[in-house]
Structure formats: structure tokens, C-alpha cells
PDB file of N, CA and C in Angstrom:
ATOM      1  N   MET A   1      78.898 115.076 186.133  1.00  0.00           N
ATOM      2  CA  MET A   1      79.823 114.755 185.153  1.00  0.00           C
ATOM      3  C   MET A   1      81.069 114.290 185.616  1.00  0.00           C
ATOM      4  N   ASN A   2      81.758 114.960 186.859  1.00  0.00           N
ATOM      5  CA  ASN A   2      82.772 114.392 187.401  1.00  0.00           C
ATOM      6  C   ASN A   2      82.728 112.965 188.054  1.00  0.00           C
ATOM      7  N   ARG A   3      81.765 112.837 188.412  1.00  0.00           N
ATOM      8  CA  ARG A   3      81.517 111.339 189.038  1.00  0.00           C
ATOM      9  C   ARG A   3      81.560 110.194 187.970  1.00  0.00           C
ATOM     10  N   ARG A   4      81.089 110.584 186.836  1.00  0.00           N
ATOM     11  CA  ARG A   4      80.924 109.500 185.799  1.00  0.00           C
ATOM     12  C   ARG A   4      82.392 109.360 185.371  1.00  0.00           C
ATOM     13  N   PHE A   5      83.031 110.528 185.260  1.00  0.00           N
ATOM     14  CA  PHE A   5      84.525 110.506 184.602  1.00  0.00           C
ATOM     15  C   PHE A   5      85.275 109.587 185.678  1.00  0.00           C
ATOM     16  N   TYR A   6      85.225 110.039 186.775  1.00  0.00           N
ATOM     17  CA  TYR A   6      85.990 109.104 187.772  1.00  0.00           C
ATOM     18  C   TYR A   6      85.576 107.537 187.647  1.00  0.00           C
ATOM     19  N   ILE A   7      84.283 107.162 187.449  1.00  0.00           N
ATOM     20  CA  ILE A   7      84.010 105.878 187.538  1.00  0.00           C
ATOM     21  C   ILE A   7      84.475 105.137 186.231  1.00  0.00           C
ATOM     22  N   VAL A   8      84.359 105.931 185.092  1.00  0.00           N
ATOM     23  CA  VAL A   8      84.846 105.305 183.925  1.00  0.00           C
ATOM     24  C   VAL A   8      86.330 105.260 183.951  1.00  0.00           C
ATOM     25  N   PHE A   9      87.125 106.414 184.397  1.00  0.00           N
ATOM     26  CA  PHE A   9      88.668 106.319 184.686  1.00  0.00           C
ATOM     27  C   PHE A   9      88.834 105.101 185.591  1.00  0.00           C
ATOM     28  N   GLY A  10      88.090 104.951 186.619  1.00  0.00           N
ATOM     29  CA  GLY A  10      88.550 103.810 187.661  1.00  0.00           C
ATOM     30  C   GLY A  10      88.475 102.360 186.887  1.00  0.00           C
ATOM     31  N   ILE A  11      87.321 102.279 186.014  1.00  0.00           N
ATOM     32  CA  ILE A  11      87.184 101.075 185.504  1.00  0.00           C
ATOM     33  C   ILE A  11      88.577 100.862 184.354  1.00  0.00           C
ATOM     34  N   ILE A  12      88.644 101.909 183.750  1.00  0.00           N
ATOM     35  CA  ILE A  12      89.791 101.527 182.733  1.00  0.00           C
ATOM     36  C   ILE A  12      91.207 101.341 183.305  1.00  0.00           C
ATOM     37  N   LEU A  13      91.390 102.063 184.634  1.00  0.00           N
ATOM     38  CA  LEU A  13      92.553 101.812 185.397  1.00  0.00           C
ATOM     39  C   LEU A  13      92.698 100.628 186.012  1.00  0.00           C
ATOM     40  N   ILE A  14      91.428  99.764 186.645  1.00  0.00           N
ATOM     41  CA  ILE A  14      91.398  98.591 186.766  1.00  0.00           C
ATOM     42  C   ILE A  14      91.665  97.741 185.607  1.00  0.00           C
ATOM     43  N   VAL A  15      91.253  97.653 184.560  1.00  0.00           N
ATOM     44  CA  VAL A  15      91.438  96.812 183.445  1.00  0.00           C
ATOM     45  C   VAL A  15      92.858  97.030 183.051  1.00  0.00           C
ATOM     46  N   LEU A  16      93.357  98.152 182.866  1.00  0.00           N
ATOM     47  CA  LEU A  16      94.854  98.380 182.554  1.00  0.00           C
ATOM     48  C   LEU A  16      95.820  97.628 183.520  1.00  0.00           C
ATOM     49  N   VAL A  17      95.611  97.700 184.950  1.00  0.00           N
ATOM     50  CA  VAL A  17      96.251  97.125 185.954  1.00  0.00           C
ATOM     51  C   VAL A  17      96.252  95.344 185.856  1.00  0.00           C
ATOM     52  N   ALA A  18      95.069  95.067 185.503  1.00  0.00           N
ATOM     53  CA  ALA A  18      94.805  93.548 185.481  1.00  0.00           C
ATOM     54  C   ALA A  18      95.713  92.999 184.313  1.00  0.00           C
ATOM     55  N   SER A  19      95.621  93.782 183.166  1.00  0.00           N
ATOM     56  CA  SER A  19      96.086  93.357 181.843  1.00  0.00           C
ATOM     57  C   SER A  19      97.600  93.425 182.061  1.00  0.00           C
ATOM     58  N   LEU A  20      98.145  94.685 182.761  1.00  0.00           N
ATOM     59  CA  LEU A  20      99.612  94.510 182.770  1.00  0.00           C
ATOM     60  C   LEU A  20     100.189  93.363 183.886  1.00  0.00           C
ATOM     61  N   PHE A  21      99.441  93.043 184.818  1.00  0.00           N
ATOM     62  CA  PHE A  21      99.616  92.017 185.754  1.00  0.00           C
ATOM     63  C   PHE A  21      99.795  90.773 185.071  1.00  0.00           C
ATOM     64  N   GLN A  22      98.605  90.427 184.090  1.00  0.00           N
ATOM     65  CA  GLN A  22      98.607  89.176 183.441  1.00  0.00           C
ATOM     66  C   GLN A  22      99.885  89.192 182.434  1.00  0.00           C
ATOM     67  N   LEU A  23     100.279  90.300 181.782  1.00  0.00           N
ATOM     68  CA  LEU A  23     101.280  90.449 180.845  1.00  0.00           C
ATOM     69  C   LEU A  23     102.698  90.207 181.406  1.00  0.00           C
ATOM     70  N   LYS A  24     102.920  90.810 182.664  1.00  0.00           N
ATOM     71  CA  LYS A  24     103.916  90.614 183.478  1.00  0.00           C
ATOM     72  C   LYS A  24     104.250  89.002 183.926  1.00  0.00           C
ATOM     73  N   HIS A  25     103.181  88.395 184.228  1.00  0.00           N
ATOM     74  CA  HIS A  25     103.274  86.915 184.445  1.00  0.00           C
ATOM     75  C   HIS A  25     103.609  86.179 183.252  1.00  0.00           C
ATOM     76  N   GLN A  26     103.151  86.460 182.157  1.00  0.00           N
ATOM     77  CA  GLN A  26     103.409  85.763 180.787  1.00  0.00           C
ATOM     78  C   GLN A  26     105.098  86.020 180.325  1.00  0.00           C
ATOM     79  N   VAL A  27     105.269  87.288 180.761  1.00  0.00           N
ATOM     80  CA  VAL A  27     106.815  87.423 180.330  1.00  0.00           C
ATOM     81  C   VAL A  27     107.712  86.776 181.245  1.00  0.00           C
ATOM     82  N   VAL A  28     107.568  86.594 182.545  1.00  0.00           N
ATOM     83  CA  VAL A  28     108.169  85.938 183.649  1.00  0.00           C
ATOM     84  C   VAL A  28     108.328  84.311 183.030  1.00  0.00           C
ATOM     85  N   LYS A  29     107.118  84.022 182.608  1.00  0.00           N
ATOM     86  CA  LYS A  29     107.023  82.591 182.182  1.00  0.00           C
ATOM     87  C   LYS A  29     107.810  82.329 180.967  1.00  0.00           C
ATOM     88  N   LEU A  30     107.807  83.232 180.147  1.00  0.00           N
ATOM     89  CA  LEU A  30     108.411  83.275 178.914  1.00  0.00           C
ATOM     90  C   LEU A  30     109.985  83.074 179.138  1.00  0.00           C
ATOM     91  N   GLU A  31     110.276  84.018 179.948  1.00  0.00           N
ATOM     92  CA  GLU A  31     111.825  84.125 180.532  1.00  0.00           C
ATOM     93  C   GLU A  31     112.401  82.918 180.966  1.00  0.00           C
ATOM     94  N   LYS A  32     111.574  81.982 181.758  1.00  0.00           N
ATOM     95  CA  LYS A  32     111.728  80.930 182.321  1.00  0.00           C
ATOM     96  C   LYS A  32     112.065  79.784 181.229  1.00  0.00           C
ATOM     97  N   ASN A  33     111.142  79.914 180.464  1.00  0.00           N
ATOM     98  CA  ASN A  33     111.136  79.122 179.303  1.00  0.00           C
ATOM     99  C   ASN A  33     112.357  79.404 178.520  1.00  0.00           C
ATOM    100  N   LEU A  34     112.918  80.630 178.226  1.00  0.00           N
ATOM    101  CA  LEU A  34     114.107  80.863 177.442  1.00  0.00           C
ATOM    102  C   LEU A  34     115.286  80.359 178.296  1.00  0.00           C
ATOM    103  N   VAL A  35     115.325  80.643 179.579  1.00  0.00           N
ATOM    104  CA  VAL A  35     116.423  79.998 180.197  1.00  0.00           C
ATOM    105  C   VAL A  35     116.719  78.482 180.117  1.00  0.00           C
ATOM    106  N   THR A  36     115.379  77.747 180.455  1.00  0.00           N
ATOM    107  CA  THR A  36     115.430  76.316 180.317  1.00  0.00           C
ATOM    108  C   THR A  36     115.850  76.024 178.959  1.00  0.00           C
ATOM    109  N   ASN A  37     115.318  76.428 177.697  1.00  0.00           N
ATOM    110  CA  ASN A  37     115.796  76.272 176.332  1.00  0.00           C
ATOM    111  C   ASN A  37     117.366  76.606 176.185  1.00  0.00           C
ATOM    112  N   GLN A  38     117.736  77.659 176.599  1.00  0.00           N
ATOM    113  CA  GLN A  38     119.278  77.906 176.513  1.00  0.00           C
ATOM    114  C   GLN A  38     120.038  76.915 177.158  1.00  0.00           C
ATOM    115  N   SER A  39     119.733  76.467 178.591  1.00  0.00           N
ATOM    116  CA  SER A  39     120.602  75.452 179.098  1.00  0.00           C
ATOM    117  C   SER A  39     120.514  73.998 178.263  1.00  0.00           C
ATOM    118  N   LEU A  40     119.421  73.700 177.669  1.00  0.00           N
ATOM    119  CA  LEU A  40     119.189  72.480 176.904  1.00  0.00           C
ATOM    120  C   LEU A  40     119.907  72.689 175.601  1.00  0.00           C
ATOM    121  N   ILE A  41     119.873  73.699 175.050  1.00  0.00           N
ATOM    122  CA  ILE A  41     120.818  73.889 173.885  1.00  0.00           C
ATOM    123  C   ILE A  41     122.269  73.701 174.268  1.00  0.00           C
ATOM    124  N   GLN A  42     122.771  74.254 175.359  1.00  0.00           N
ATOM    125  CA  GLN A  42     124.144  74.410 175.750  1.00  0.00           C
ATOM    126  C   GLN A  42     124.413  72.714 175.820  1.00  0.00           C
ATOM    127  N   LYS A  43     123.667  71.951 176.542  1.00  0.00           N
ATOM    128  CA  LYS A  43     123.791  70.705 176.907  1.00  0.00           C
ATOM    129  C   LYS A  43     124.064  69.977 175.764  1.00  0.00           C
ATOM    130  N   GLU A  44     123.026  70.072 174.708  1.00  0.00           N
ATOM    131  CA  GLU A  44     122.983  69.446 173.339  1.00  0.00           C
ATOM    132  C   GLU A  44     124.370  69.767 172.598  1.00  0.00           C
ATOM    133  N   LYS A  45     124.808  71.070 172.635  1.00  0.00           N
ATOM    134  CA  LYS A  45     126.107  71.390 171.838  1.00  0.00           C
ATOM    135  C   LYS A  45     127.348  70.450 172.438  1.00  0.00           C
ATOM    136  N   GLU A  46     127.389  70.507 173.905  1.00  0.00           N
ATOM    137  CA  GLU A  46     128.188  69.694 174.477  1.00  0.00           C
ATOM    138  C   GLU A  46     128.386  68.217 174.213  1.00  0.00           C
ATOM    139  N   SER A  47     126.945  67.746 174.052  1.00  0.00           N
ATOM    140  CA  SER A  47     126.982  66.492 173.675  1.00  0.00           C
ATOM    141  C   SER A  47     127.356  65.995 172.291  1.00  0.00           C
ATOM    142  N   ILE A  48     127.083  67.037 171.553  1.00  0.00           N
ATOM    143  CA  ILE A  48     127.466  66.971 169.970  1.00  0.00           C
ATOM    144  C   ILE A  48     128.809  66.891 169.898  1.00  0.00           C
ATOM    145  N   LYS A  49     129.776  67.775 170.655  1.00  0.00           N
ATOM    146  CA  LYS A  49     131.144  67.724 170.820  1.00  0.00           C
ATOM    147  C   LYS A  49     131.753  66.425 171.188  1.00  0.00           C
ATOM    148  N   VAL A  50     131.157  65.889 172.203  1.00  0.00           N
ATOM    149  CA  VAL A  50     131.495  64.565 172.398  1.00  0.00           C
ATOM    150  C   VAL A  50     131.228  63.629 171.422  1.00  0.00           C
ATOM    151  N   LEU A  51     129.961  63.469 170.988  1.00  0.00           N
ATOM    152  CA  LEU A  51     130.095  62.658 169.763  1.00  0.00           C
ATOM    153  C   LEU A  51     130.946  62.786 168.616  1.00  0.00           C
ATOM    154  N   LYS A  52     131.111  64.024 168.333  1.00  0.00           N
ATOM    155  CA  LYS A  52     132.331  64.096 167.304  1.00  0.00           C
ATOM    156  C   LYS A  52     133.538  63.554 167.668  1.00  0.00           C
ATOM    157  N   ALA A  53     134.059  63.883 169.079  1.00  0.00           N
ATOM    158  CA  ALA A  53     135.472  63.165 169.159  1.00  0.00           C
ATOM    159  C   ALA A  53     135.448  61.763 169.336  1.00  0.00           C
ATOM    160  N   GLU A  54     133.959  60.993 169.701  1.00  0.00           N
ATOM    161  CA  GLU A  54     134.080  59.782 169.687  1.00  0.00           C
ATOM    162  C   GLU A  54     133.983  59.054 168.122  1.00  0.00           C
ATOM    163  N   TRP A  55     133.289  59.910 167.258  1.00  0.00           N
ATOM    164  CA  TRP A  55     133.311  59.432 165.991  1.00  0.00           C
ATOM    165  C   TRP A  55     134.859  59.570 165.423  1.00  0.00           C
ATOM    166  N   SER A  56     135.503  60.640 165.737  1.00  0.00           N
ATOM    167  CA  SER A  56     136.991  60.797 165.070  1.00  0.00           C
ATOM    168  C   SER A  56     137.829  59.635 165.743  1.00  0.00           C
ATOM    169  N   TYR A  57     137.568  59.207 167.070  1.00  0.00           N
ATOM    170  CA  TYR A  57     138.231  57.985 167.506  1.00  0.00           C
ATOM    171  C   TYR A  57     137.833  56.912 166.776  1.00  0.00           C
ATOM    172  N   LEU A  58     136.655  56.569 166.666  1.00  0.00           N
ATOM    173  CA  LEU A  58     136.235  55.104 165.956  1.00  0.00           C
ATOM    174  C   LEU A  58     136.575  55.251 164.560  1.00  0.00           C
ATOM    175  N   THR A  59     136.576  56.350 163.680  1.00  0.00           N
ATOM    176  CA  THR A  59     136.930  56.187 162.329  1.00  0.00           C
ATOM    177  C   THR A  59     138.240  56.354 162.080  1.00  0.00           C
ATOM    178  N   ASN A  60     139.199  56.363 163.212  1.00  0.00           N
ATOM    179  CA  ASN A  60     140.611  56.474 162.975  1.00  0.00           C
ATOM    180  C   ASN A  60     141.155  55.270 162.090  1.00  0.00           C
ATOM    181  N   PRO A  61     141.775  55.549 160.814  1.00  0.00           N
ATOM    182  CA  PRO A  61     142.177  54.706 159.960  1.00  0.00           C
ATOM    183  C   PRO A  61     143.168  53.504 160.699  1.00  0.00           C
ATOM    184  N   SER A  62     144.035  53.901 161.530  1.00  0.00           N
ATOM    185  CA  SER A  62     144.862  52.821 162.135  1.00  0.00           C
ATOM    186  C   SER A  62     144.281  51.997 162.996  1.00  0.00           C
ATOM    187  N   ARG A  63     143.096  52.603 163.885  1.00  0.00           N
ATOM    188  CA  ARG A  63     142.418  51.711 164.577  1.00  0.00           C
ATOM    189  C   ARG A  63     141.584  50.679 163.762  1.00  0.00           C
ATOM    190  N   ILE A  64     140.949  51.138 162.675  1.00  0.00           N
ATOM    191  CA  ILE A  64     140.066  50.096 161.685  1.00  0.00           C
ATOM    192  C   ILE A  64     141.040  49.287 161.141  1.00  0.00           C
ATOM    193  N   GLU A  65     142.260  49.557 160.861  1.00  0.00           N
ATOM    194  CA  GLU A  65     143.247  48.419 160.257  1.00  0.00           C
ATOM    195  C   GLU A  65     143.468  47.506 161.189  1.00  0.00           C
ATOM    196  N   ILE A  66     143.748  47.974 162.463  1.00  0.00           N
ATOM    197  CA  ILE A  66     143.947  46.877 163.456  1.00  0.00           C
ATOM    198  C   ILE A  66     142.667  46.045 163.841  1.00  0.00           C
ATOM    199  N   LEU A  67     141.683  46.407 163.861  1.00  0.00           N
ATOM    200  CA  LEU A  67     140.427  45.850 163.983  1.00  0.00           C
ATOM    201  C   LEU A  67     139.958  44.800 162.818  1.00  0.00           C
ATOM    202  N   SER A  68     140.547  45.419 161.532  1.00  0.00           N
ATOM    203  CA  SER A  68     140.321  44.520 160.434  1.00  0.00           C
ATOM    204  C   SER A  68     141.177  43.375 160.413  1.00  0.00           C
ATOM    205  N   GLU A  69     142.404  43.444 160.886  1.00  0.00           N
ATOM    206  CA  GLU A  69     143.213  42.570 161.058  1.00  0.00           C
ATOM    207  C   GLU A  69     143.135  41.333 161.954  1.00  0.00           C
ATOM    208  N   ASN A  70     142.281  41.874 163.132  1.00  0.00           N
ATOM    209  CA  ASN A  70     141.934  40.878 164.199  1.00  0.00           C
ATOM    210  C   ASN A  70     140.673  40.122 163.996  1.00  0.00           C
ATOM    211  N   PHE A  71     139.820  40.717 163.272  1.00  0.00           N
ATOM    212  CA  PHE A  71     138.639  40.137 163.485  1.00  0.00           C
ATOM    213  C   PHE A  71     137.886  39.694 161.901  1.00  0.00           C
ATOM    214  N   LEU A  72     138.790  40.100 160.651  1.00  0.00           N
ATOM    215  CA  LEU A  72     138.019  39.909 159.352  1.00  0.00           C
ATOM    216  C   LEU A  72     138.714  38.774 158.752  1.00  0.00           C
ATOM    217  N   ASN A  73     139.968  38.305 159.299  1.00  0.00           N
ATOM    218  CA  ASN A  73     140.805  37.064 158.798  1.00  0.00           C
ATOM    219  C   ASN A  73     140.742  37.341 157.189  1.00  0.00           C
ATOM    220  N   LEU A  74     141.129  38.474 156.963  1.00  0.00           N
ATOM    221  CA  LEU A  74     141.534  38.326 155.319  1.00  0.00           C
ATOM    222  C   LEU A  74     142.635  38.075 155.001  1.00  0.00           C
ATOM    223  N   ARG A  75     142.790  37.562 153.558  1.00  0.00           N
ATOM    224  CA  ARG A  75     144.370  37.196 153.247  1.00  0.00           C
ATOM    225  C   ARG A  75     144.564  38.085 151.938  1.00  0.00           C
ATOM    226  N   ILE A  76     145.925  38.263 151.569  1.00  0.00           N
ATOM    227  CA  ILE A  76     146.211  38.723 150.430  1.00  0.00           C
ATOM    228  C   ILE A  76     145.861  38.169 149.181  1.00  0.00           C
ATOM    229  N   LEU A  77     145.334  38.612 148.231  1.00  0.00           N
ATOM    230  CA  LEU A  77     145.199  38.020 147.168  1.00  0.00           C
ATOM    231  C   LEU A  77     146.249  37.678 146.324  1.00  0.00           C
ATOM    232  N   THR A  78     146.029  36.376 145.653  1.00  0.00           N
ATOM    233  CA  THR A  78     147.125  35.798 144.767  1.00  0.00           C
ATOM    234  C   THR A  78     146.807  35.921 143.486  1.00  0.00           C
ATOM    235  N   LEU A  79     147.837  35.765 142.355  1.00  0.00           N
ATOM    236  CA  LEU A  79     147.421  35.837 141.081  1.00  0.00           C
ATOM    237  C   LEU A  79     146.687  34.557 140.618  1.00  0.00           C
ATOM    238  N   LYS A  80     146.979  33.449 141.341  1.00  0.00           N
ATOM    239  CA  LYS A  80     145.945  32.382 140.950  1.00  0.00           C
ATOM    240  C   LYS A  80     144.615  32.391 141.034  1.00  0.00           C
ATOM    241  N   GLN A  81     144.198  33.473 141.822  1.00  0.00           N
ATOM    242  CA  GLN A  81     142.818  33.594 142.181  1.00  0.00           C
ATOM    243  C   GLN A  81     141.914  34.441 141.139  1.00  0.00           C
ATOM    244  N   ILE A  82     142.900  35.033 140.200  1.00  0.00           N
ATOM    245  CA  ILE A  82     142.413  36.070 139.139  1.00  0.00           C
ATOM    246  C   ILE A  82     142.157  35.322 138.109  1.00  0.00           C
ATOM    247  N   GLY A  83     140.953  35.321 137.256  1.00  0.00           N
ATOM    248  CA  GLY A  83     140.861  34.588 136.151  1.00  0.00           C
ATOM    249  C   GLY A  83     139.941  35.588 135.111  1.00  0.00           C
ATOM    250  N   ASP A  84     139.602  34.829 134.103  1.00  0.00           N
ATOM    251  CA  ASP A  84     138.791  35.643 132.999  1.00  0.00           C
ATOM    252  C   ASP A  84     137.401  35.233 133.250  1.00  0.00           C
ATOM    253  N   ILE A  85     136.514  36.290 132.911  1.00  0.00           N
ATOM    254  CA  ILE A  85     135.182  36.320 133.078  1.00  0.00           C
ATOM    255  C   ILE A  85     134.706  35.282 132.075  1.00  0.00           C
ATOM    256  N   GLU A  86     135.107  34.803 131.166  1.00  0.00           N
ATOM    257  CA  GLU A  86     134.570  33.985 129.932  1.00  0.00           C
ATOM    258  C   GLU A  86     134.841  32.592 130.712  1.00  0.00           C
ATOM    259  N   LYS A  87     135.498  32.429 131.410  1.00  0.00           N
ATOM    260  CA  LYS A  87     135.821  30.839 132.115  1.00  0.00           C
ATOM    261  C   LYS A  87     134.659  30.592 133.121  1.00  0.00           C
ATOM    262  N   ILE A  88     133.737  31.519 133.614  1.00  0.00           N
ATOM    263  CA  ILE A  88     132.719  31.236 134.322  1.00  0.00           C
ATOM    264  C   ILE A  88     131.523  30.957 133.830  1.00  0.00           C
ATOM    265  N   PRO A  89     131.125  29.608 134.100  1.00  0.00           N
ATOM    266  CA  PRO A  89     130.046  28.999 133.407  1.00  0.00           C
ATOM    267  C   PRO A  89     128.422  29.650 133.729  1.00  0.00           C
ATOM    268  N   PHE A  90     127.871  30.313 132.853  1.00  0.00           N
ATOM    269  CA  PHE A  90     126.617  31.007 132.992  1.00  0.00           C
ATOM    270  C   PHE A  90     125.711  30.128 132.366  1.00  0.00           C
ATOM    271  N   PHE A  91     124.607  29.697 133.207  1.00  0.00           N
ATOM    272  CA  PHE A  91     123.645  28.947 132.541  1.00  0.00           C
ATOM    273  C   PHE A  91     122.309  29.744 132.524  1.00  0.00           C
ATOM    274  N   ILE A  92     121.731  29.872 131.258  1.00  0.00           N
ATOM    275  CA  ILE A  92     120.224  30.523 130.964  1.00  0.00           C
ATOM    276  C   ILE A  92     119.272  29.425 130.820  1.00  0.00           C
ATOM    277  N   GLU A  93     118.600  29.315 131.662  1.00  0.00           N
ATOM    278  CA  GLU A  93     117.437  28.336 131.323  1.00  0.00           C
ATOM    279  C   GLU A  93     116.314  29.033 130.788  1.00  0.00           C
ATOM    280  N   LYS A  94     115.975  28.484 129.796  1.00  0.00           N
ATOM    281  CA  LYS A  94     114.776  28.643 128.529  1.00  0.00           C
ATOM    282  C   LYS A  94     113.545  28.104 129.221  1.00  0.00           C
ATOM    283  N   LYS A  95     112.480  29.067 129.435  1.00  0.00           N
ATOM    284  CA  LYS A  95     111.135  28.425 129.764  1.00  0.00           C
ATOM    285  C   LYS A  95     110.610  27.532 128.640  1.00  0.00           C
ATOM    286  N   ARG A  96     110.431  26.362 129.065  1.00  0.00           N
ATOM    287  CA  ARG A  96     109.783  25.231 127.982  1.00  0.00           C
ATOM    288  C   ARG A  96     108.201  25.342 128.157  1.00  0.00           C
ATOM    289  N   ASP A  97     107.354  25.353 127.131  1.00  0.00           N
ATOM    290  CA  ASP A  97     106.152  24.906 127.380  1.00  0.00           C
ATOM    291  C   ASP A  97     105.867  23.653 127.570  1.00  0.00           C
ATOM    292  N   LYS A  98     104.716  23.442 128.232  1.00  0.00           N
ATOM    293  CA  LYS A  98     104.403  21.916 128.770  1.00  0.00           C
ATOM    294  C   LYS A  98     103.867  21.238 127.747  1.00  0.00           C
ATOM    295  N   ASN A  99     103.188  21.971 126.560  1.00  0.00           N
ATOM    296  CA  ASN A  99     102.312  21.366 125.490  1.00  0.00           C
ATOM    297  C   ASN A  99     103.307  20.646 124.586  1.00  0.00           C
ATOM    298  N   LYS A 100     104.608  21.177 124.532  1.00  0.00           N
ATOM    299  CA  LYS A 100     105.558  20.460 123.507  1.00  0.00           C
ATOM    300  C   LYS A 100     106.156  19.431 123.718  1.00  0.00           C
TER     301      LYS A 100
END
């Protein structure tokens, strides 16, 4: 009886040691993934800060005003350019039958 007990106990002990060894390696692997993901998240946060700073610079109203003056060639609207919509000729073509 004692011999059977020791054999069963030894088998259980070997299974437990093997499973704990495998579990330890899985935890180490997951910890490495966690550190890698945390560093990637930190890099992305830093790049988001840079992009926000660039966006605030690019959308600065004074900068946009200077660029529009340099590149768009816009002129101030005069009163002579404003008219009534009734003066615009709109032509509506009616479909005519070929038989008529």
C-alpha cells in the first residue's frame, strides 16, 4: 500500500511540477508582452502630443490668413458684383417628342 501511495504521489508531483513550470513560462511571456505594449502605448501618446501641437500650429488663424493672402489671390467684393437673382437667365428645356 505504501508503495502504491508513493508512486501515485510521485506521478501527481511530476504533473504539478510540469504544469507549474509551463505556467511560469507563460507568465514570463505575458509580462514581456505587457512591457512591450506599455512602451508602444507610451510612444503613441507622445506621437499624439506631437500631432496635436502640429495641428494647433497649422490651424492658427493668423497663419491661415497669411497663406490665403499669398496663394488665393482673393479680392474684396464690390457692390457692383452684387445683383438680383431675377436677372440671372435660367433656361429650362422641355423634352419634345420626335413624332410631333
